[in-house]
Amino acid sequence: MSKSTAKTRTMIYAALCLALGVVLPLAFHSIPNAGSVFLPMHIPVLLCGLICGPLYGLACGILSPLLSSIITGMPPAAYLPSMLCELAVYGLAAGVMIRVLHSTHELKRIYLALVAAMLCGRIVGGVLNALIFQFGNYSFAAWFAAYFVTGLAGILIQIILIPLLIFALRKAGLIKSLGNG
């Protein structure tokens, strides 16, 4: 495959992830608090970083909540800056981690990159909430509850679903290597 064909394919995958980042949460908006429980926007952003690389993951992480907010009103404007930063870090970190981690066992490499990205995004989100977005009204307990307790179902879904999606895409011949955007 030529370099331009590979780049076009990567851009198409990134665009699909971006579209999923807007459409997938719509399925959860009718259920109260389902977005913060199931974290549907996180899946396409993490997947984009892992498959397409750090820059596409970063772009998907910024554009998904922004476009979703403009088109659907979710996330609301009050939460948008925090989500933009958190999701941007997820996409960027997933892409960086999949490139720098090396293992003979591909599943181990995917899990390590995924968990590292999930932790990075949560830490950055918590720090930004504590120092900027919710200064003076944010605590470790609030961070832990918001990023780990409330979102536990979403975290488990991500840990199970994302590697399965990657292996399904690879088996279908749609992706060959990870993080090559």
N, C-alpha and C. Protein backbone atom coordinates (compact mmCIF):
# COMPACT_ATOMS: atom_id res chain seq x y z
N MET A 1 0.84 -1.17 0.00
CA MET A 1 0.00 0.00 0.00
C MET A 1 0.89 1.24 0.00
N SER A 2 0.53 2.20 -0.84
CA SER A 2 1.34 3.41 -0.93
C SER A 2 1.13 4.28 0.31
N LYS A 3 2.07 5.21 0.50
CA LYS A 3 2.02 6.08 1.67
C LYS A 3 0.76 6.95 1.65
N SER A 4 0.38 7.45 0.47
CA SER A 4 -0.81 8.30 0.39
C SER A 4 -2.09 7.49 0.64
N THR A 5 -2.11 6.24 0.19
CA THR A 5 -3.26 5.38 0.45
C THR A 5 -3.39 5.10 1.94
N ALA A 6 -2.27 4.83 2.60
CA ALA A 6 -2.28 4.57 4.04
C ALA A 6 -2.75 5.80 4.81
N LYS A 7 -2.29 6.97 4.39
CA LYS A 7 -2.69 8.21 5.06
C LYS A 7 -4.18 8.47 4.86
N THR A 8 -4.68 8.23 3.65
CA THR A 8 -6.10 8.40 3.37
C THR A 8 -6.93 7.45 4.23
N ARG A 9 -6.48 6.21 4.33
CA ARG A 9 -7.17 5.21 5.14
C ARG A 9 -7.21 5.64 6.61
N THR A 10 -6.09 6.14 7.11
CA THR A 10 -6.02 6.60 8.49
C THR A 10 -6.97 7.77 8.71
N MET A 11 -7.03 8.69 7.76
CA MET A 11 -7.93 9.84 7.88
C MET A 11 -9.40 9.39 7.88
N ILE A 12 -9.71 8.38 7.09
CA ILE A 12 -11.07 7.85 7.05
C ILE A 12 -11.42 7.20 8.39
N TYR A 13 -10.49 6.41 8.96
CA TYR A 13 -10.74 5.79 10.27
C TYR A 13 -10.92 6.85 11.34
N ALA A 14 -10.11 7.91 11.29
CA ALA A 14 -10.23 8.99 12.26
C ALA A 14 -11.59 9.69 12.12
N ALA A 15 -12.03 9.92 10.89
CA ALA A 15 -13.32 10.55 10.64
C ALA A 15 -14.46 9.66 11.14
N LEU A 16 -14.33 8.34 10.95
CA LEU A 16 -15.34 7.41 11.46
C LEU A 16 -15.39 7.44 12.99
N CYS A 17 -14.23 7.50 13.62
CA CYS A 17 -14.18 7.59 15.08
C CYS A 17 -14.82 8.88 15.55
N LEU A 18 -14.54 9.96 14.85
CA LEU A 18 -15.14 11.26 15.20
C LEU A 18 -16.66 11.19 15.07
N ALA A 19 -17.14 10.62 13.99
CA ALA A 19 -18.59 10.47 13.80
C ALA A 19 -19.19 9.62 14.92
N LEU A 20 -18.51 8.53 15.27
CA LEU A 20 -18.99 7.69 16.37
C LEU A 20 -18.99 8.45 17.68
N GLY A 21 -18.01 9.34 17.86
CA GLY A 21 -17.94 10.15 19.07
C GLY A 21 -19.12 11.09 19.23
N VAL A 22 -19.77 11.42 18.14
CA VAL A 22 -20.96 12.26 18.18
C VAL A 22 -22.23 11.41 18.24
N VAL A 23 -22.27 10.33 17.47
CA VAL A 23 -23.48 9.52 17.34
C VAL A 23 -23.67 8.55 18.51
N LEU A 24 -22.63 7.88 18.95
CA LEU A 24 -22.75 6.87 20.00
C LEU A 24 -23.36 7.42 21.29
N PRO A 25 -22.95 8.59 21.77
CA PRO A 25 -23.57 9.12 22.98
C PRO A 25 -25.07 9.40 22.85
N LEU A 26 -25.55 9.63 21.62
CA LEU A 26 -26.99 9.88 21.41
C LEU A 26 -27.83 8.71 21.93
N ALA A 27 -27.32 7.51 21.81
CA ALA A 27 -28.04 6.33 22.28
C ALA A 27 -28.21 6.34 23.80
N PHE A 28 -27.38 7.11 24.49
CA PHE A 28 -27.40 7.13 25.95
C PHE A 28 -28.08 8.37 26.53
N HIS A 29 -28.34 9.38 25.71
CA HIS A 29 -28.88 10.64 26.22
C HIS A 29 -30.28 10.51 26.81
N SER A 30 -31.04 9.52 26.41
CA SER A 30 -32.40 9.38 26.94
C SER A 30 -32.41 8.78 28.35
N ILE A 31 -31.29 8.23 28.79
CA ILE A 31 -31.18 7.64 30.12
C ILE A 31 -30.46 8.65 31.02
N PRO A 32 -31.06 9.04 32.15
CA PRO A 32 -30.41 10.02 33.03
C PRO A 32 -29.02 9.55 33.50
N ASN A 33 -28.03 10.41 33.37
CA ASN A 33 -26.64 10.18 33.80
C ASN A 33 -25.94 9.03 33.08
N ALA A 34 -26.53 8.52 32.01
CA ALA A 34 -25.92 7.39 31.30
C ALA A 34 -24.57 7.75 30.69
N GLY A 35 -24.41 9.00 30.28
CA GLY A 35 -23.13 9.43 29.70
C GLY A 35 -22.00 9.31 30.71
N SER A 36 -22.23 9.73 31.95
CA SER A 36 -21.17 9.65 32.95
C SER A 36 -21.00 8.25 33.52
N VAL A 37 -21.96 7.38 33.30
CA VAL A 37 -21.85 5.99 33.77
C VAL A 37 -21.19 5.11 32.71
N PHE A 38 -21.64 5.22 31.45
CA PHE A 38 -21.16 4.33 30.39
C PHE A 38 -20.05 4.92 29.54
N LEU A 39 -19.83 6.23 29.62
CA LEU A 39 -18.72 6.91 28.94
C LEU A 39 -18.64 6.59 27.44
N PRO A 40 -19.75 6.73 26.71
CA PRO A 40 -19.75 6.31 25.31
C PRO A 40 -18.81 7.10 24.40
N MET A 41 -18.53 8.37 24.73
CA MET A 41 -17.66 9.18 23.88
C MET A 41 -16.20 8.75 24.01
N HIS A 42 -15.85 8.12 25.10
CA HIS A 42 -14.46 7.71 25.33
C HIS A 42 -14.03 6.61 24.37
N ILE A 43 -14.93 5.71 24.03
CA ILE A 43 -14.58 4.54 23.21
C ILE A 43 -14.02 4.95 21.85
N PRO A 44 -14.72 5.76 21.05
CA PRO A 44 -14.15 6.12 19.74
C PRO A 44 -12.86 6.94 19.85
N VAL A 45 -12.73 7.76 20.89
CA VAL A 45 -11.52 8.58 21.04
C VAL A 45 -10.33 7.68 21.36
N LEU A 46 -10.48 6.77 22.30
CA LEU A 46 -9.40 5.84 22.63
C LEU A 46 -9.06 4.96 21.43
N LEU A 47 -10.08 4.48 20.75
CA LEU A 47 -9.88 3.65 19.57
C LEU A 47 -9.13 4.42 18.49
N CYS A 48 -9.47 5.67 18.29
CA CYS A 48 -8.80 6.50 17.29
C CYS A 48 -7.33 6.66 17.62
N GLY A 49 -7.01 6.95 18.87
CA GLY A 49 -5.61 7.08 19.27
C GLY A 49 -4.84 5.79 19.04
N LEU A 50 -5.43 4.67 19.40
CA LEU A 50 -4.75 3.38 19.25
C LEU A 50 -4.55 2.99 17.80
N ILE A 51 -5.55 3.25 16.97
CA ILE A 51 -5.49 2.83 15.57
C ILE A 51 -4.79 3.86 14.68
N CYS A 52 -5.12 5.12 14.87
CA CYS A 52 -4.67 6.15 13.95
C CYS A 52 -3.44 6.92 14.41
N GLY A 53 -3.13 6.86 15.69
CA GLY A 53 -1.95 7.55 16.20
C GLY A 53 -2.30 8.74 17.07
N PRO A 54 -1.29 9.32 17.69
CA PRO A 54 -1.52 10.37 18.69
C PRO A 54 -2.15 11.65 18.15
N LEU A 55 -1.75 12.12 16.98
CA LEU A 55 -2.31 13.38 16.48
C LEU A 55 -3.77 13.24 16.09
N TYR A 56 -4.12 12.14 15.45
CA TYR A 56 -5.52 11.91 15.11
C TYR A 56 -6.33 11.66 16.38
N GLY A 57 -5.76 10.95 17.35
CA GLY A 57 -6.44 10.73 18.62
C GLY A 57 -6.70 12.04 19.34
N LEU A 58 -5.71 12.93 19.33
CA LEU A 58 -5.84 14.25 19.94
C LEU A 58 -6.96 15.04 19.25
N ALA A 59 -6.95 15.05 17.93
CA ALA A 59 -7.98 15.77 17.17
C ALA A 59 -9.37 15.20 17.44
N CYS A 60 -9.47 13.90 17.47
CA CYS A 60 -10.76 13.25 17.75
C CYS A 60 -11.23 13.59 19.16
N GLY A 61 -10.29 13.62 20.11
CA GLY A 61 -10.63 13.95 21.49
C GLY A 61 -11.09 15.38 21.66
N ILE A 62 -10.60 16.28 20.85
CA ILE A 62 -11.04 17.68 20.91
C ILE A 62 -12.35 17.86 20.15
N LEU A 63 -12.41 17.32 18.95
CA LEU A 63 -13.56 17.57 18.08
C LEU A 63 -14.82 16.81 18.48
N SER A 64 -14.69 15.61 19.03
CA SER A 64 -15.89 14.83 19.40
C SER A 64 -16.78 15.57 20.39
N PRO A 65 -16.27 16.00 21.55
CA PRO A 65 -17.17 16.71 22.46
C PRO A 65 -17.60 18.08 21.92
N LEU A 66 -16.72 18.74 21.17
CA LEU A 66 -17.07 20.04 20.62
C LEU A 66 -18.22 19.94 19.63
N LEU A 67 -18.09 19.04 18.65
CA LEU A 67 -19.16 18.85 17.66
C LEU A 67 -20.43 18.31 18.31
N SER A 68 -20.28 17.38 19.25
CA SER A 68 -21.44 16.84 19.94
C SER A 68 -22.19 17.93 20.69
N SER A 69 -21.45 18.81 21.34
CA SER A 69 -22.08 19.90 22.07
C SER A 69 -22.80 20.86 21.13
N ILE A 70 -22.18 21.16 20.00
CA ILE A 70 -22.80 22.06 19.02
C ILE A 70 -24.04 21.42 18.39
N ILE A 71 -23.94 20.14 18.04
CA ILE A 71 -25.03 19.46 17.32
C ILE A 71 -26.15 19.01 18.25
N THR A 72 -25.79 18.43 19.41
CA THR A 72 -26.80 17.81 20.28
C THR A 72 -27.01 18.55 21.60
N GLY A 73 -26.12 19.46 21.93
CA GLY A 73 -26.22 20.13 23.22
C GLY A 73 -25.60 19.35 24.36
N MET A 74 -25.01 18.22 24.04
CA MET A 74 -24.37 17.37 25.05
C MET A 74 -22.93 17.12 24.62
N PRO A 75 -21.96 17.32 25.43
CA PRO A 75 -22.06 17.76 26.82
C PRO A 75 -22.46 19.23 26.90
N PRO A 76 -23.12 19.60 28.01
CA PRO A 76 -23.49 21.00 28.20
C PRO A 76 -22.25 21.89 28.27
N ALA A 77 -22.43 23.15 27.97
CA ALA A 77 -21.30 24.09 27.92
C ALA A 77 -20.48 24.11 29.20
N ALA A 78 -21.11 23.92 30.34
CA ALA A 78 -20.38 23.95 31.62
C ALA A 78 -19.36 22.82 31.73
N TYR A 79 -19.64 21.68 31.12
CA TYR A 79 -18.75 20.52 31.19
C TYR A 79 -17.81 20.41 30.00
N LEU A 80 -18.09 21.17 28.95
CA LEU A 80 -17.34 21.04 27.70
C LEU A 80 -15.84 21.26 27.85
N PRO A 81 -15.36 22.32 28.50
CA PRO A 81 -13.90 22.51 28.58
C PRO A 81 -13.18 21.34 29.26
N SER A 82 -13.76 20.86 30.33
CA SER A 82 -13.15 19.73 31.05
C SER A 82 -13.13 18.48 30.18
N MET A 83 -14.24 18.21 29.51
CA MET A 83 -14.30 17.02 28.65
C MET A 83 -13.36 17.14 27.45
N LEU A 84 -13.27 18.34 26.88
CA LEU A 84 -12.34 18.57 25.76
C LEU A 84 -10.92 18.17 26.17
N CYS A 85 -10.51 18.65 27.32
CA CYS A 85 -9.14 18.37 27.79
C CYS A 85 -8.95 16.89 28.10
N GLU A 86 -9.90 16.32 28.82
CA GLU A 86 -9.81 14.91 29.21
C GLU A 86 -9.75 14.01 27.98
N LEU A 87 -10.67 14.21 27.04
CA LEU A 87 -10.72 13.36 25.85
C LEU A 87 -9.53 13.59 24.93
N ALA A 88 -9.06 14.82 24.87
CA ALA A 88 -7.86 15.09 24.07
C ALA A 88 -6.68 14.29 24.61
N VAL A 89 -6.54 14.24 25.93
CA VAL A 89 -5.45 13.48 26.54
C VAL A 89 -5.64 11.99 26.30
N TYR A 90 -6.88 11.50 26.37
CA TYR A 90 -7.12 10.07 26.08
C TYR A 90 -6.61 9.71 24.68
N GLY A 91 -7.03 10.48 23.69
CA GLY A 91 -6.64 10.19 22.31
C GLY A 91 -5.14 10.30 22.10
N LEU A 92 -4.56 11.38 22.61
CA LEU A 92 -3.11 11.59 22.47
C LEU A 92 -2.33 10.50 23.20
N ALA A 93 -2.68 10.25 24.44
CA ALA A 93 -1.94 9.26 25.24
C ALA A 93 -2.08 7.85 24.67
N ALA A 94 -3.27 7.50 24.19
CA ALA A 94 -3.44 6.17 23.59
C ALA A 94 -2.52 6.00 22.39
N GLY A 95 -2.46 7.03 21.55
CA GLY A 95 -1.59 6.98 20.37
C GLY A 95 -0.12 6.93 20.73
N VAL A 96 0.29 7.72 21.71
CA VAL A 96 1.70 7.72 22.13
C VAL A 96 2.06 6.38 22.77
N MET A 97 1.21 5.92 23.67
CA MET A 97 1.52 4.69 24.41
C MET A 97 1.60 3.47 23.50
N ILE A 98 0.70 3.39 22.52
CA ILE A 98 0.74 2.22 21.63
C ILE A 98 2.01 2.22 20.79
N ARG A 99 2.57 3.40 20.55
CA ARG A 99 3.82 3.50 19.79
C ARG A 99 5.04 3.18 20.65
N VAL A 100 5.05 3.62 21.90
CA VAL A 100 6.26 3.46 22.72
C VAL A 100 6.31 2.13 23.46
N LEU A 101 5.17 1.51 23.69
CA LEU A 101 5.17 0.22 24.38
C LEU A 101 5.44 -0.90 23.39
N HIS A 102 6.36 -1.74 23.75
CA HIS A 102 6.69 -2.88 22.89
C HIS A 102 6.52 -4.16 23.67
N SER A 103 5.90 -5.12 23.04
CA SER A 103 5.68 -6.42 23.67
C SER A 103 5.50 -7.45 22.56
N THR A 104 5.93 -8.64 22.84
CA THR A 104 5.72 -9.72 21.89
C THR A 104 4.26 -10.18 21.92
N HIS A 105 3.58 -9.83 22.97
CA HIS A 105 2.16 -10.18 23.12
C HIS A 105 1.31 -8.95 22.82
N GLU A 106 0.64 -8.93 21.68
CA GLU A 106 -0.11 -7.77 21.20
C GLU A 106 -1.23 -7.37 22.17
N LEU A 107 -1.93 -8.33 22.73
CA LEU A 107 -3.01 -8.01 23.66
C LEU A 107 -2.48 -7.28 24.89
N LYS A 108 -1.33 -7.70 25.39
CA LYS A 108 -0.70 -7.03 26.53
C LYS A 108 -0.36 -5.58 26.17
N ARG A 109 0.17 -5.38 25.01
CA ARG A 109 0.53 -4.04 24.54
C ARG A 109 -0.70 -3.15 24.44
N ILE A 110 -1.79 -3.68 23.91
CA ILE A 110 -3.03 -2.92 23.78
C ILE A 110 -3.57 -2.55 25.16
N TYR A 111 -3.61 -3.52 26.05
CA TYR A 111 -4.13 -3.26 27.40
C TYR A 111 -3.27 -2.24 28.15
N LEU A 112 -1.96 -2.36 28.06
CA LEU A 112 -1.09 -1.40 28.74
C LEU A 112 -1.29 0.01 28.20
N ALA A 113 -1.36 0.14 26.88
CA ALA A 113 -1.58 1.46 26.27
C ALA A 113 -2.95 2.01 26.64
N LEU A 114 -3.96 1.17 26.63
CA LEU A 114 -5.32 1.58 26.94
C LEU A 114 -5.44 2.05 28.39
N VAL A 115 -4.94 1.25 29.32
CA VAL A 115 -5.03 1.60 30.74
C VAL A 115 -4.20 2.85 31.04
N ALA A 116 -3.01 2.94 30.44
CA ALA A 116 -2.18 4.13 30.65
C ALA A 116 -2.89 5.38 30.15
N ALA A 117 -3.51 5.30 28.98
CA ALA A 117 -4.24 6.45 28.43
C ALA A 117 -5.43 6.81 29.31
N MET A 118 -6.14 5.81 29.79
CA MET A 118 -7.29 6.05 30.65
C MET A 118 -6.86 6.73 31.95
N LEU A 119 -5.76 6.33 32.50
CA LEU A 119 -5.25 6.96 33.72
C LEU A 119 -4.76 8.38 33.46
N CYS A 120 -4.03 8.57 32.37
CA CYS A 120 -3.54 9.92 32.02
C CYS A 120 -4.70 10.90 31.87
N GLY A 121 -5.72 10.51 31.13
CA GLY A 121 -6.87 11.39 30.92
C GLY A 121 -7.58 11.73 32.21
N ARG A 122 -7.74 10.75 33.08
CA ARG A 122 -8.40 10.99 34.36
C ARG A 122 -7.56 11.88 35.27
N ILE A 123 -6.27 11.69 35.27
CA ILE A 123 -5.40 12.52 36.10
C ILE A 123 -5.41 13.97 35.59
N VAL A 124 -5.24 14.15 34.29
CA VAL A 124 -5.26 15.50 33.73
C VAL A 124 -6.62 16.15 33.96
N GLY A 125 -7.70 15.41 33.73
CA GLY A 125 -9.04 15.94 33.97
C GLY A 125 -9.22 16.38 35.41
N GLY A 126 -8.76 15.57 36.35
CA GLY A 126 -8.87 15.91 37.76
C GLY A 126 -8.05 17.13 38.14
N VAL A 127 -6.82 17.18 37.65
CA VAL A 127 -5.94 18.33 37.94
C VAL A 127 -6.54 19.61 37.38
N LEU A 128 -7.02 19.56 36.14
CA LEU A 128 -7.61 20.76 35.54
C LEU A 128 -8.89 21.19 36.26
N ASN A 129 -9.69 20.22 36.68
CA ASN A 129 -10.89 20.58 37.45
C ASN A 129 -10.50 21.24 38.77
N ALA A 130 -9.50 20.68 39.44
CA ALA A 130 -9.08 21.21 40.73
C ALA A 130 -8.44 22.59 40.61
N LEU A 131 -7.67 22.82 39.56
CA LEU A 131 -6.92 24.07 39.44
C LEU A 131 -7.60 25.15 38.60
N ILE A 132 -8.49 24.75 37.69
CA ILE A 132 -9.07 25.74 36.78
C ILE A 132 -10.60 25.69 36.75
N PHE A 133 -11.14 24.59 36.26
CA PHE A 133 -12.56 24.53 35.95
C PHE A 133 -13.48 24.55 37.17
N GLN A 134 -13.04 23.96 38.28
CA GLN A 134 -13.86 23.95 39.50
C GLN A 134 -13.02 24.34 40.70
N PHE A 135 -12.15 25.29 40.52
CA PHE A 135 -11.21 25.71 41.56
C PHE A 135 -11.93 26.01 42.86
N GLY A 136 -11.45 25.41 43.94
CA GLY A 136 -12.02 25.63 45.26
C GLY A 136 -13.22 24.76 45.57
N ASN A 137 -13.80 24.14 44.57
CA ASN A 137 -14.99 23.29 44.76
C ASN A 137 -14.72 21.84 44.37
N TYR A 138 -13.47 21.45 44.35
CA TYR A 138 -13.13 20.11 43.86
C TYR A 138 -12.19 19.44 44.85
N SER A 139 -12.42 18.18 45.10
CA SER A 139 -11.60 17.45 46.07
C SER A 139 -11.18 16.11 45.47
N PHE A 140 -10.28 15.45 46.18
CA PHE A 140 -9.86 14.11 45.76
C PHE A 140 -11.07 13.17 45.74
N ALA A 141 -11.94 13.28 46.74
CA ALA A 141 -13.14 12.42 46.80
C ALA A 141 -14.04 12.67 45.60
N ALA A 142 -14.21 13.94 45.22
CA ALA A 142 -15.03 14.26 44.05
C ALA A 142 -14.41 13.69 42.78
N TRP A 143 -13.08 13.82 42.66
CA TRP A 143 -12.36 13.29 41.50
C TRP A 143 -12.53 11.78 41.42
N PHE A 144 -12.28 11.10 42.51
CA PHE A 144 -12.35 9.64 42.53
C PHE A 144 -13.77 9.17 42.21
N ALA A 145 -14.76 9.82 42.82
CA ALA A 145 -16.15 9.44 42.57
C ALA A 145 -16.53 9.66 41.11
N ALA A 146 -16.16 10.81 40.56
CA ALA A 146 -16.54 11.13 39.18
C ALA A 146 -15.81 10.28 38.16
N TYR A 147 -14.52 10.06 38.35
CA TYR A 147 -13.71 9.42 37.33
C TYR A 147 -13.57 7.91 37.47
N PHE A 148 -13.87 7.38 38.65
CA PHE A 148 -13.69 5.95 38.84
C PHE A 148 -14.96 5.24 39.31
N VAL A 149 -15.67 5.79 40.28
CA VAL A 149 -16.84 5.11 40.82
C VAL A 149 -18.02 5.22 39.87
N THR A 150 -18.40 6.44 39.51
CA THR A 150 -19.55 6.63 38.62
C THR A 150 -19.30 5.99 37.26
N GLY A 151 -18.10 6.10 36.75
CA GLY A 151 -17.78 5.58 35.42
C GLY A 151 -17.27 4.15 35.39
N LEU A 152 -17.41 3.41 36.48
CA LEU A 152 -16.87 2.04 36.52
C LEU A 152 -17.42 1.15 35.40
N ALA A 153 -18.71 1.23 35.15
CA ALA A 153 -19.29 0.42 34.06
C ALA A 153 -18.66 0.79 32.72
N GLY A 154 -18.48 2.08 32.48
CA GLY A 154 -17.85 2.53 31.24
C GLY A 154 -16.40 2.09 31.13
N ILE A 155 -15.68 2.14 32.24
CA ILE A 155 -14.29 1.69 32.26
C ILE A 155 -14.22 0.21 31.88
N LEU A 156 -15.09 -0.59 32.48
CA LEU A 156 -15.11 -2.03 32.16
C LEU A 156 -15.48 -2.28 30.70
N ILE A 157 -16.45 -1.53 30.21
CA ILE A 157 -16.83 -1.67 28.80
C ILE A 157 -15.64 -1.35 27.89
N GLN A 158 -14.92 -0.27 28.20
CA GLN A 158 -13.75 0.11 27.39
C GLN A 158 -12.68 -0.98 27.42
N ILE A 159 -12.41 -1.50 28.60
CA ILE A 159 -11.36 -2.51 28.75
C ILE A 159 -11.71 -3.80 28.01
N ILE A 160 -12.99 -4.10 27.94
CA ILE A 160 -13.41 -5.33 27.24
C ILE A 160 -13.60 -5.07 25.75
N LEU A 161 -14.30 -4.00 25.40
CA LEU A 161 -14.73 -3.77 24.02
C LEU A 161 -13.61 -3.31 23.09
N ILE A 162 -12.75 -2.40 23.54
CA ILE A 162 -11.75 -1.82 22.63
C ILE A 162 -10.78 -2.86 22.09
N PRO A 163 -10.19 -3.72 22.93
CA PRO A 163 -9.32 -4.76 22.34
C PRO A 163 -10.08 -5.70 21.40
N LEU A 164 -11.33 -6.02 21.74
CA LEU A 164 -12.13 -6.87 20.84
C LEU A 164 -12.35 -6.20 19.49
N LEU A 165 -12.64 -4.90 19.50
CA LEU A 165 -12.82 -4.16 18.25
C LEU A 165 -11.54 -4.13 17.43
N ILE A 166 -10.42 -3.91 18.09
CA ILE A 166 -9.14 -3.87 17.38
C ILE A 166 -8.85 -5.22 16.73
N PHE A 167 -9.05 -6.31 17.45
CA PHE A 167 -8.79 -7.63 16.88
C PHE A 167 -9.78 -7.98 15.78
N ALA A 168 -11.03 -7.53 15.91
CA ALA A 168 -12.02 -7.76 14.85
C ALA A 168 -11.65 -6.99 13.59
N LEU A 169 -11.22 -5.74 13.75
CA LEU A 169 -10.79 -4.94 12.60
C LEU A 169 -9.55 -5.55 11.94
N ARG A 170 -8.66 -6.05 12.75
CA ARG A 170 -7.45 -6.68 12.22
C ARG A 170 -7.81 -7.98 11.48
N LYS A 171 -8.69 -8.77 12.07
CA LYS A 171 -9.09 -10.04 11.44
C LYS A 171 -9.80 -9.79 10.11
N ALA A 172 -10.55 -8.68 10.05
CA ALA A 172 -11.24 -8.33 8.81
C ALA A 172 -10.30 -7.71 7.77
N GLY A 173 -9.04 -7.50 8.16
CA GLY A 173 -8.05 -6.93 7.25
C GLY A 173 -8.14 -5.42 7.09
N LEU A 174 -8.86 -4.78 8.00
CA LEU A 174 -9.04 -3.34 7.89
C LEU A 174 -7.89 -2.54 8.51
N ILE A 175 -7.21 -3.12 9.48
CA ILE A 175 -6.01 -2.50 10.04
C ILE A 175 -4.89 -3.51 10.11
N LYS A 176 -3.70 -3.03 9.91
CA LYS A 176 -2.53 -3.92 9.96
C LYS A 176 -1.68 -3.65 11.21
N SER A 177 -1.43 -2.38 11.49
CA SER A 177 -0.63 -2.04 12.66
C SER A 177 -1.33 -0.93 13.43
N LEU A 178 -0.90 -0.71 14.65
CA LEU A 178 -1.54 0.26 15.51
C LEU A 178 -0.71 1.53 15.64
N GLY A 179 -1.42 2.65 15.82
CA GLY A 179 -0.78 3.93 16.12
C GLY A 179 0.08 4.51 15.02
N ASN A 180 -0.24 4.23 13.78
CA ASN A 180 0.61 4.68 12.68
C ASN A 180 0.09 5.89 11.94
N GLY A 181 -0.72 6.71 12.61
CA GLY A 181 -1.28 7.88 11.93
C GLY A 181 -0.27 8.95 11.71
